[in-house]
Structures are given as structure tokens and as C-alpha cells.
């Protein structure tokens, strides 16, 4: 493709300092900044490091003569007409960007490696330019990560799932009640919620709940009920497991309120009594990611 036609969409986060001190002028945060600045030292340092990384990414694109569009992640709506998405932040920003992607590849930049694990981000401030050049020239590995599709009462919902889905009550202190169906087995459960994760998401929250880590490119996925209530009337068999690409997990919500959170807290599906969620692989829509190695 001619160089002048190559377009990059840069998706960035705003630091907590930028949001709550500089822009929103949160009264408590501003008061701390004025009278107890030492208590905000870590926020200021994180803000400066993030801004430095964002500036370095933009400078590298300018040196390469590449046209780019800069979008704050909350304002992101589409990746149309972009040849590459570059996310600058951590895994949260990467996932924000991934939610508007169909076939456009994505390259994640960890803007602050001292504070962020950012497992989906292959680049840092120091390594972005060579990795970007190699990606543009087709010399950087491109990993295809299988995603999941969520249906609510039969209706397909977006975004597609890159990492995991948490189904739980919208009050974290309230027990969740639901009917779980996996294959031909079904049972009523009470727990603090249920995780359904892709292979790429198998090393995050579901692992802490007792799940099993899978190779990132695997088409299999898994579910895991968390903190199941076991008492005189409760004995469970569907506590978790790894499923094939042809399987599905069905959750019928049995409370007045609940949420299905997709890849974190920002993409939410409100649930009401009797709502039926079906989660299964979306084989035609893998996420194409530059530079990360298959776990």
C-alpha cells in the first residue's frame, strides 16, 4: 500500500491526575494538590510518564511520515479507514480500542511499565518506533486472538469479548442467583458471580477464581463460578471448566438487577429477572494483535 495512504488511529487514555485535578477540578483532589501535594506525587508522576509516552508515539509517527488521528478512548466510536490502531495506556485502553475493531490490526503501547502489567501491549515508549516500522513492513508477528459473542435474549450484543465477561449483581455485596446451563447440564446457583473467559483472558481474573490458563490462540474458552454458596440445600456440579469452540454457556438471571460486564467495567449489559445470556465463540472475528507472543 502506498505510504501516503497508510493511516493510524491513536487511542489514548487520560491519567487520573488529568481527569480529576486538571479537567474536572474535583474539590478534594484540588485541595490535596494545593495543601498536601506529596499525597498526589504518584499521580503526578504517572501523568508525566504517560504524557511523555504519548508524545513519543506521535513524534515517531511524524518521523515516519504517517498520517494519524488522535482519539481519547471514551470518545472512540469507529476504526473505519484506519490501517492500524495504536493504543497508548494499559490493557484497559487496549480493550477500549479493541471493542471497535473488526479486522483492523492493533498495536498496544504500555505507557507506564512500572505501574502497569499491560499484557496485551507489545511496545513501550522506547520500543514503539522499531516495532511500528516492522509492523508496517509486515515483519512483526500478528497474533489472532479468538473472541466471544454475547447474546441477550437472543439478540447479538457488542462489543465482542476479548478478555472475559463477569455476570453478577450490580451491588458487589449482594449474592447472585442464576440458572447455569453448560451443554445438556443445568443447575441453579448462588454465588458472587460467574466468569466466562476467552483463552487470552484465561490468565487474568478467571485464573484468580481457580481457572486454567490456556494458550492465547486456542479456540477453547472457559467458565468459572466464583465464591459459590454451599449449604444444606446447595450442591453444585457446574463449578467451572474448559469448553470447545462449538460449546456455549447460558446464564438465566434470577434477580431483579444484575450486570454482564464485558472486558471490565465500561461495557455493561443491565440484567433483569428472567434475562437469558448466551456466550459462545465468535469464530469469524478474531482480534489481530501485533507483537505479543502467544502465552
Foldseek 3Di string as FASTA:
>chain_A
DDQAQAEEEEEEEAAPCCPDVVPVNPVVVVVCVPPPVVVCVVSVVLRVLLVVLVVLLVVLCVVVVHHYHYDYLVPDDAPPSHQEYEYRDALVSVVSVLQRDFARAYAYEHSDVVVYPRQQHQHYSVRVNVLVVCVVVVNWDKAWFWWKWKDKQNHTDGDTFRAKKKKAFPDQVDWFWKWKDWDPDIDIWIASTKMKTGLLNQVPDVVVQPGDHHWRRALKIKMAGHGTDDDPPDDDDPGMDIGHQPIKMKIFGAAQWIWIDGPDDPDIDIDGHGMMMIMHIPVSGTHIYTRRDTD
